[in-house]
Amino acid sequence: MTVATDWKNGALGHKFITSFSGGKDSVLALYKAMKVGEAVGLIVMLEEEGQRSRSHGMPPELIRAQAESIGLPVYTAAASWTDYEEEFMRLLGNAKNQGAEVLVTGDLDMPVHGCWHDKVTRNAGLKLGMPLWEMDHHKVIEEFINLGFITILVTVNLSLGMREEDLGRTITHEYVKELESRGIDPCGEGGEFHTTVIDGPIFKHLIPVRKCEIIKNGEYAFMPLELDHPVSNQY
């Protein structure tokens, strides 16, 4: 069996934990993995202060709201880049103790050799599942939209063709055409943008959010999202 087959179908028939950013790729990977395996939870890494997620800058309350709507527990750890791997490995160990056999991620273009997720899962005694691996980027975002997922742009890189006006927009087929006409990868795989998913087929209900004031930091612009009401602390 090839490495590609292993990675693409890693969740098949297994219990798995998902490395979760709350954005479109990790949500679509979770959706696909849930079709063939059993999800036992979500892993979300936070910045040192624990106030925002490391990948997409989401507040923990919004992450919990997503997890609650999906119906999965969420495991978090605050870490600097220095101890990121150590903390991630600790969460993988906890997940394995809860029965997880596989780590699922939303990566599309991970190299076969030198894959960080492959290294840490091997060290943790887990397998790796990447349902979106090597998929055509246009087909990935097309499938995401066709399934009924709703996602909002929350971060843009202004040096890569994105604009402040892109913040807060919902990804639709029309918007994908616009991005591609501007020479932008429709999945933002070059770091052009990040998103937050607020509804879709694995969500029990829409996540009610309000869009906050745009923040600029160098070449990046952010539109923080906040919950419109508090959620329970079940997770």
C-alpha atoms as a PDB file:
ATOM      1  CA  MET A   1       0.000   0.000   0.000  1.00  0.00           C
ATOM      2  CA  THR A   2       1.385   3.428  -0.904  1.00  0.00           C
ATOM      3  CA  VAL A   3       1.941   6.266   1.536  1.00  0.00           C
ATOM      4  CA  ALA A   4      -0.697   8.290  -0.316  1.00  0.00           C
ATOM      5  CA  THR A   5      -3.321   5.604   0.216  1.00  0.00           C
ATOM      6  CA  ASP A   6      -2.355   5.342   3.863  1.00  0.00           C
ATOM      7  CA  TRP A   7      -2.693   9.077   4.453  1.00  0.00           C
ATOM      8  CA  LYS A   8      -5.795   9.710   2.382  1.00  0.00           C
ATOM      9  CA  ASN A   9      -7.708   6.823   3.951  1.00  0.00           C
ATOM     10  CA  GLY A  10      -6.076   6.867   7.359  1.00  0.00           C
ATOM     11  CA  ALA A  11      -9.334   7.269   9.295  1.00  0.00           C
ATOM     12  CA  LEU A  12     -11.063   4.372   7.577  1.00  0.00           C
ATOM     13  CA  GLY A  13     -12.472   2.064  10.259  1.00  0.00           C
ATOM     14  CA  HIS A  14     -10.593   3.816  13.077  1.00  0.00           C
ATOM     15  CA  LYS A  15     -11.220   6.121  16.011  1.00  0.00           C
ATOM     16  CA  PHE A  16      -9.527   9.451  15.369  1.00  0.00           C
ATOM     17  CA  ILE A  17      -8.706  12.867  16.823  1.00  0.00           C
ATOM     18  CA  THR A  18      -8.679  15.889  14.491  1.00  0.00           C
ATOM     19  CA  SER A  19      -6.169  18.730  14.474  1.00  0.00           C
ATOM     20  CA  PHE A  20      -8.740  21.515  14.302  1.00  0.00           C
ATOM     21  CA  SER A  21      -8.309  25.150  13.262  1.00  0.00           C
ATOM     22  CA  GLY A  22     -12.018  25.919  12.882  1.00  0.00           C
ATOM     23  CA  GLY A  23     -11.335  26.814   9.245  1.00  0.00           C
ATOM     24  CA  LYS A  24     -12.603  25.255   6.045  1.00  0.00           C
ATOM     25  CA  ASP A  25      -9.888  22.654   5.411  1.00  0.00           C
ATOM     26  CA  SER A  26      -9.863  21.104   8.881  1.00  0.00           C
ATOM     27  CA  VAL A  27     -13.685  21.082   8.925  1.00  0.00           C
ATOM     28  CA  LEU A  28     -13.922  19.389   5.515  1.00  0.00           C
ATOM     29  CA  ALA A  29     -11.286  16.829   6.552  1.00  0.00           C
ATOM     30  CA  LEU A  30     -13.274  16.143   9.730  1.00  0.00           C
ATOM     31  CA  TYR A  31     -16.461  15.719   7.691  1.00  0.00           C
ATOM     32  CA  LYS A  32     -14.795  13.222   5.343  1.00  0.00           C
ATOM     33  CA  ALA A  33     -13.171  11.303   8.189  1.00  0.00           C
ATOM     34  CA  MET A  34     -16.464  11.079  10.094  1.00  0.00           C
ATOM     35  CA  LYS A  35     -17.949   9.327   7.058  1.00  0.00           C
ATOM     36  CA  VAL A  36     -15.516   6.421   7.399  1.00  0.00           C
ATOM     37  CA  GLY A  37     -14.310   6.479  11.018  1.00  0.00           C
ATOM     38  CA  GLU A  38     -15.286   7.544  14.533  1.00  0.00           C
ATOM     39  CA  ALA A  39     -14.276  10.987  15.820  1.00  0.00           C
ATOM     40  CA  VAL A  40     -13.325  11.133  19.507  1.00  0.00           C
ATOM     41  CA  GLY A  41     -12.441  14.821  19.733  1.00  0.00           C
ATOM     42  CA  LEU A  42     -10.705  17.924  18.418  1.00  0.00           C
ATOM     43  CA  ILE A  43      -7.212  19.252  19.177  1.00  0.00           C
ATOM     44  CA  VAL A  44      -6.748  23.033  19.140  1.00  0.00           C
ATOM     45  CA  MET A  45      -3.425  24.689  19.917  1.00  0.00           C
ATOM     46  CA  LEU A  46      -3.588  28.135  21.543  1.00  0.00           C
ATOM     47  CA  GLU A  47      -1.081  30.982  21.694  1.00  0.00           C
ATOM     48  CA  GLU A  48       0.991  31.355  24.872  1.00  0.00           C
ATOM     49  CA  GLU A  49      -1.609  33.446  26.689  1.00  0.00           C
ATOM     50  CA  GLY A  50      -4.421  31.019  25.806  1.00  0.00           C
ATOM     51  CA  GLN A  51      -6.584  33.837  24.462  1.00  0.00           C
ATOM     52  CA  ARG A  52      -6.525  32.896  20.769  1.00  0.00           C
ATOM     53  CA  SER A  53      -5.954  29.792  18.672  1.00  0.00           C
ATOM     54  CA  ARG A  54      -2.455  29.474  17.262  1.00  0.00           C
ATOM     55  CA  SER A  55      -3.535  28.942  13.655  1.00  0.00           C
ATOM     56  CA  HIS A  56      -6.525  31.208  13.018  1.00  0.00           C
ATOM     57  CA  GLY A  57      -6.577  33.558  15.997  1.00  0.00           C
ATOM     58  CA  MET A  58      -9.979  32.363  17.230  1.00  0.00           C
ATOM     59  CA  PRO A  59     -11.124  32.968  20.818  1.00  0.00           C
ATOM     60  CA  PRO A  60     -11.648  29.777  22.899  1.00  0.00           C
ATOM     61  CA  GLU A  61     -15.359  30.598  23.311  1.00  0.00           C
ATOM     62  CA  LEU A  62     -15.870  30.391  19.553  1.00  0.00           C
ATOM     63  CA  ILE A  63     -13.896  27.148  19.339  1.00  0.00           C
ATOM     64  CA  ARG A  64     -16.050  25.657  22.094  1.00  0.00           C
ATOM     65  CA  ALA A  65     -19.178  26.777  20.246  1.00  0.00           C
ATOM     66  CA  GLN A  66     -18.009  24.975  17.108  1.00  0.00           C
ATOM     67  CA  ALA A  67     -17.155  21.829  19.076  1.00  0.00           C
ATOM     68  CA  GLU A  68     -20.496  21.918  20.880  1.00  0.00           C
ATOM     69  CA  SER A  69     -22.408  22.278  17.627  1.00  0.00           C
ATOM     70  CA  ILE A  70     -20.419  19.400  16.078  1.00  0.00           C
ATOM     71  CA  GLY A  71     -20.890  17.352  19.251  1.00  0.00           C
ATOM     72  CA  LEU A  72     -17.248  16.613  20.054  1.00  0.00           C
ATOM     73  CA  PRO A  73     -14.997  17.398  23.017  1.00  0.00           C
ATOM     74  CA  VAL A  74     -12.163  19.835  22.346  1.00  0.00           C
ATOM     75  CA  TYR A  75      -8.704  19.508  23.877  1.00  0.00           C
ATOM     76  CA  THR A  76      -6.555  22.634  24.008  1.00  0.00           C
ATOM     77  CA  ALA A  77      -3.041  23.548  25.073  1.00  0.00           C
ATOM     78  CA  ALA A  78      -1.384  26.976  25.198  1.00  0.00           C
ATOM     79  CA  ALA A  79       2.135  26.918  23.777  1.00  0.00           C
ATOM     80  CA  SER A  80       4.910  29.056  22.355  1.00  0.00           C
ATOM     81  CA  TRP A  81       6.646  27.909  19.180  1.00  0.00           C
ATOM     82  CA  THR A  82       9.434  26.622  21.458  1.00  0.00           C
ATOM     83  CA  ASP A  83       7.276  24.083  23.293  1.00  0.00           C
ATOM     84  CA  TYR A  84       4.615  23.646  20.594  1.00  0.00           C
ATOM     85  CA  GLU A  85       5.661  20.134  19.635  1.00  0.00           C
ATOM     86  CA  GLU A  86       5.939  19.008  23.256  1.00  0.00           C
ATOM     87  CA  GLU A  87       2.426  20.261  24.057  1.00  0.00           C
ATOM     88  CA  PHE A  88       0.989  18.818  20.844  1.00  0.00           C
ATOM     89  CA  MET A  89       2.536  15.451  21.675  1.00  0.00           C
ATOM     90  CA  ARG A  90       0.990  15.633  25.149  1.00  0.00           C
ATOM     91  CA  LEU A  91      -2.463  16.149  23.606  1.00  0.00           C
ATOM     92  CA  LEU A  92      -1.878  13.258  21.215  1.00  0.00           C
ATOM     93  CA  GLY A  93      -0.997  11.062  24.197  1.00  0.00           C
ATOM     94  CA  ASN A  94      -4.214  12.084  25.938  1.00  0.00           C
ATOM     95  CA  ALA A  95      -6.188  11.354  22.762  1.00  0.00           C
ATOM     96  CA  LYS A  96      -4.587   7.915  22.481  1.00  0.00           C
ATOM     97  CA  ASN A  97      -5.629   7.215  26.063  1.00  0.00           C
ATOM     98  CA  GLN A  98      -9.194   8.107  25.021  1.00  0.00           C
ATOM     99  CA  GLY A  99      -9.038   5.484  22.264  1.00  0.00           C
ATOM    100  CA  ALA A 100      -7.788   7.507  19.299  1.00  0.00           C
ATOM    101  CA  GLU A 101      -5.797   5.497  16.761  1.00  0.00           C
ATOM    102  CA  VAL A 102      -5.370   8.177  14.074  1.00  0.00           C
ATOM    103  CA  LEU A 103      -4.692  11.911  13.852  1.00  0.00           C
ATOM    104  CA  VAL A 104      -6.699  13.581  11.069  1.00  0.00           C
ATOM    105  CA  THR A 105      -5.517  16.880   9.567  1.00  0.00           C
ATOM    106  CA  GLY A 106      -6.764  19.143   6.779  1.00  0.00           C
ATOM    107  CA  ASP A 107      -3.446  19.417   4.938  1.00  0.00           C
ATOM    108  CA  LEU A 108      -3.553  19.466   1.138  1.00  0.00           C
ATOM    109  CA  ASP A 109       0.055  19.770   0.006  1.00  0.00           C
ATOM    110  CA  MET A 110       2.109  18.050   2.708  1.00  0.00           C
ATOM    111  CA  PRO A 111       5.374  16.576   1.325  1.00  0.00           C
ATOM    112  CA  VAL A 112       5.848  12.829   1.565  1.00  0.00           C
ATOM    113  CA  HIS A 113       9.240  13.255   3.222  1.00  0.00           C
ATOM    114  CA  GLY A 114       9.752  15.543   6.197  1.00  0.00           C
ATOM    115  CA  CYS A 115       6.059  15.744   7.103  1.00  0.00           C
ATOM    116  CA  TRP A 116       5.848  17.070  10.680  1.00  0.00           C
ATOM    117  CA  HIS A 117       2.480  15.456  11.351  1.00  0.00           C
ATOM    118  CA  ASP A 118       3.817  12.103  10.159  1.00  0.00           C
ATOM    119  CA  LYS A 119       6.739  12.417  12.584  1.00  0.00           C
ATOM    120  CA  VAL A 120       4.678  13.323  15.656  1.00  0.00           C
ATOM    121  CA  THR A 121       2.007  10.697  15.023  1.00  0.00           C
ATOM    122  CA  ARG A 122       4.646   7.988  14.652  1.00  0.00           C
ATOM    123  CA  ASN A 123       6.267   9.153  17.900  1.00  0.00           C
ATOM    124  CA  ALA A 124       2.871   9.052  19.633  1.00  0.00           C
ATOM    125  CA  GLY A 125       2.059   5.580  18.316  1.00  0.00           C
ATOM    126  CA  LEU A 126      -0.754   6.876  16.094  1.00  0.00           C
ATOM    127  CA  LYS A 127      -1.413   6.765  12.364  1.00  0.00           C
ATOM    128  CA  LEU A 128      -1.988   9.807  10.147  1.00  0.00           C
ATOM    129  CA  GLY A 129      -5.104  10.593   8.113  1.00  0.00           C
ATOM    130  CA  MET A 130      -5.229  13.435   5.576  1.00  0.00           C
ATOM    131  CA  PRO A 131      -8.473  13.083   3.568  1.00  0.00           C
ATOM    132  CA  LEU A 132      -7.704  16.175   1.443  1.00  0.00           C
ATOM    133  CA  TRP A 133      -4.108  15.273   0.662  1.00  0.00           C
ATOM    134  CA  GLU A 134      -3.096  15.982  -2.954  1.00  0.00           C
ATOM    135  CA  MET A 135      -6.659  16.974  -3.943  1.00  0.00           C
ATOM    136  CA  ASP A 136      -7.065  19.680  -6.585  1.00  0.00           C
ATOM    137  CA  HIS A 137      -7.581  22.945  -4.703  1.00  0.00           C
ATOM    138  CA  HIS A 138     -10.504  24.099  -6.826  1.00  0.00           C
ATOM    139  CA  LYS A 139     -12.258  20.756  -6.304  1.00  0.00           C
ATOM    140  CA  VAL A 140     -11.694  20.989  -2.538  1.00  0.00           C
ATOM    141  CA  ILE A 141     -13.375  24.381  -2.190  1.00  0.00           C
ATOM    142  CA  GLU A 142     -16.095  23.413  -4.685  1.00  0.00           C
ATOM    143  CA  GLU A 143     -16.970  20.323  -2.640  1.00  0.00           C
ATOM    144  CA  PHE A 144     -16.915  22.366   0.574  1.00  0.00           C
ATOM    145  CA  ILE A 145     -19.433  24.854  -0.826  1.00  0.00           C
ATOM    146  CA  ASN A 146     -21.626  22.187  -2.453  1.00  0.00           C
ATOM    147  CA  LEU A 147     -21.930  20.340   0.867  1.00  0.00           C
ATOM    148  CA  GLY A 148     -23.493  23.452   2.390  1.00  0.00           C
ATOM    149  CA  PHE A 149     -20.683  24.637   4.663  1.00  0.00           C
ATOM    150  CA  ILE A 150     -20.626  28.347   5.463  1.00  0.00           C
ATOM    151  CA  THR A 151     -17.299  30.009   6.211  1.00  0.00           C
ATOM    152  CA  ILE A 152     -16.186  33.606   6.747  1.00  0.00           C
ATOM    153  CA  LEU A 153     -12.811  35.141   5.893  1.00  0.00           C
ATOM    154  CA  VAL A 154     -11.188  36.342   9.120  1.00  0.00           C
ATOM    155  CA  THR A 155      -7.523  36.872   8.154  1.00  0.00           C
ATOM    156  CA  VAL A 156      -5.964  38.156   4.936  1.00  0.00           C
ATOM    157  CA  ASN A 157      -2.379  38.719   3.827  1.00  0.00           C
ATOM    158  CA  LEU A 158      -2.353  42.089   2.080  1.00  0.00           C
ATOM    159  CA  SER A 159       0.980  41.333   0.394  1.00  0.00           C
ATOM    160  CA  LEU A 160      -0.465  38.320  -1.441  1.00  0.00           C
ATOM    161  CA  GLY A 161      -3.263  39.985  -3.396  1.00  0.00           C
ATOM    162  CA  MET A 162      -5.870  40.047  -0.638  1.00  0.00           C
ATOM    163  CA  ARG A 163      -7.688  43.234   0.421  1.00  0.00           C
ATOM    164  CA  GLU A 164      -9.276  44.512   3.587  1.00  0.00           C
ATOM    165  CA  GLU A 165     -12.638  44.329   1.794  1.00  0.00           C
ATOM    166  CA  ASP A 166     -12.241  40.541   1.589  1.00  0.00           C
ATOM    167  CA  LEU A 167     -12.566  40.274   5.362  1.00  0.00           C
ATOM    168  CA  GLY A 168     -15.991  39.146   6.510  1.00  0.00           C
ATOM    169  CA  ARG A 169     -16.932  37.724   3.129  1.00  0.00           C
ATOM    170  CA  THR A 170     -18.515  34.293   2.837  1.00  0.00           C
ATOM    171  CA  ILE A 171     -16.935  31.839   0.395  1.00  0.00           C
ATOM    172  CA  THR A 172     -19.324  31.143  -2.474  1.00  0.00           C
ATOM    173  CA  HIS A 173     -18.830  29.830  -6.011  1.00  0.00           C
ATOM    174  CA  GLU A 174     -18.936  33.404  -7.267  1.00  0.00           C
ATOM    175  CA  TYR A 175     -16.308  34.524  -4.786  1.00  0.00           C
ATOM    176  CA  VAL A 176     -14.055  31.590  -5.717  1.00  0.00           C
ATOM    177  CA  LYS A 177     -14.205  32.743  -9.366  1.00  0.00           C
ATOM    178  CA  GLU A 178     -13.282  36.250  -8.236  1.00  0.00           C
ATOM    179  CA  LEU A 179     -10.305  35.011  -6.207  1.00  0.00           C
ATOM    180  CA  GLU A 180      -9.036  32.886  -9.075  1.00  0.00           C
ATOM    181  CA  SER A 181      -9.391  35.819 -11.483  1.00  0.00           C
ATOM    182  CA  ARG A 182      -7.138  37.763  -9.108  1.00  0.00           C
ATOM    183  CA  GLY A 183      -4.550  34.975  -9.216  1.00  0.00           C
ATOM    184  CA  ILE A 184      -5.294  33.781  -5.677  1.00  0.00           C
ATOM    185  CA  ASP A 185      -5.403  30.127  -4.647  1.00  0.00           C
ATOM    186  CA  PRO A 186      -9.078  29.373  -3.855  1.00  0.00           C
ATOM    187  CA  CYS A 187      -8.028  27.452  -0.740  1.00  0.00           C
ATOM    188  CA  GLY A 188      -5.585  30.128   0.426  1.00  0.00           C
ATOM    189  CA  GLU A 189      -2.841  27.501   0.561  1.00  0.00           C
ATOM    190  CA  GLY A 190      -0.167  30.116  -0.012  1.00  0.00           C
ATOM    191  CA  GLY A 191      -1.162  31.830   3.219  1.00  0.00           C
ATOM    192  CA  GLU A 192      -3.412  34.333   1.444  1.00  0.00           C
ATOM    193  CA  PHE A 193      -6.304  33.981   3.896  1.00  0.00           C
ATOM    194  CA  HIS A 194      -7.849  32.029   6.775  1.00  0.00           C
ATOM    195  CA  THR A 195     -11.497  31.331   7.505  1.00  0.00           C
ATOM    196  CA  THR A 196     -13.875  30.396  10.314  1.00  0.00           C
ATOM    197  CA  VAL A 197     -16.673  27.897   9.608  1.00  0.00           C
ATOM    198  CA  ILE A 198     -20.019  28.726  11.231  1.00  0.00           C
ATOM    199  CA  ASP A 199     -22.394  26.115   9.757  1.00  0.00           C
ATOM    200  CA  GLY A 200     -22.615  22.981   7.666  1.00  0.00           C
ATOM    201  CA  PRO A 201     -23.705  19.335   7.558  1.00  0.00           C
ATOM    202  CA  ILE A 202     -21.763  18.299  10.695  1.00  0.00           C
ATOM    203  CA  PHE A 203     -23.053  21.275  12.722  1.00  0.00           C
ATOM    204  CA  LYS A 204     -26.255  20.879  14.703  1.00  0.00           C
ATOM    205  CA  HIS A 205     -26.891  24.610  14.413  1.00  0.00           C
ATOM    206  CA  LEU A 206     -25.437  27.825  12.996  1.00  0.00           C
ATOM    207  CA  ILE A 207     -22.802  29.505  15.171  1.00  0.00           C
ATOM    208  CA  PRO A 208     -24.134  33.040  15.794  1.00  0.00           C
ATOM    209  CA  VAL A 209     -21.257  35.508  15.418  1.00  0.00           C
ATOM    210  CA  ARG A 210     -20.752  39.230  15.157  1.00  0.00           C
ATOM    211  CA  LYS A 211     -17.967  40.772  13.109  1.00  0.00           C
ATOM    212  CA  CYS A 212     -15.639  43.052  15.050  1.00  0.00           C
ATOM    213  CA  GLU A 213     -13.511  45.976  13.942  1.00  0.00           C
ATOM    214  CA  ILE A 214     -10.704  45.204  11.500  1.00  0.00           C
ATOM    215  CA  ILE A 215      -7.206  45.076  13.002  1.00  0.00           C
ATOM    216  CA  LYS A 216      -4.076  45.623  10.889  1.00  0.00           C
ATOM    217  CA  ASN A 217      -0.657  44.246  11.786  1.00  0.00           C
ATOM    218  CA  GLY A 218       2.012  44.695   9.130  1.00  0.00           C
ATOM    219  CA  GLU A 219       1.013  42.817   5.999  1.00  0.00           C
ATOM    220  CA  TYR A 220      -1.927  41.144   7.758  1.00  0.00           C
ATOM    221  CA  ALA A 221      -5.456  42.334   8.429  1.00  0.00           C
ATOM    222  CA  PHE A 222      -7.864  40.560  10.774  1.00  0.00           C
ATOM    223  CA  MET A 223     -11.592  40.670  11.394  1.00  0.00           C
ATOM    224  CA  PRO A 224     -12.133  39.039  14.809  1.00  0.00           C
ATOM    225  CA  LEU A 225     -15.401  37.184  15.308  1.00  0.00           C
ATOM    226  CA  GLU A 226     -17.195  37.022  18.636  1.00  0.00           C
ATOM    227  CA  LEU A 227     -20.097  34.877  19.756  1.00  0.00           C
ATOM    228  CA  ASP A 228     -23.444  36.597  19.820  1.00  0.00           C
ATOM    229  CA  HIS A 229     -24.274  34.761  23.049  1.00  0.00           C
ATOM    230  CA  PRO A 230     -22.348  32.688  25.600  1.00  0.00           C
ATOM    231  CA  VAL A 231     -22.159  28.910  25.199  1.00  0.00           C
ATOM    232  CA  SER A 232     -21.972  26.251  27.865  1.00  0.00           C
ATOM    233  CA  ASN A 233     -18.622  25.100  29.173  1.00  0.00           C
ATOM    234  CA  GLN A 234     -19.464  21.455  28.577  1.00  0.00           C
ATOM    235  CA  TYR A 235     -16.260  21.064  26.598  1.00  0.00           C
END
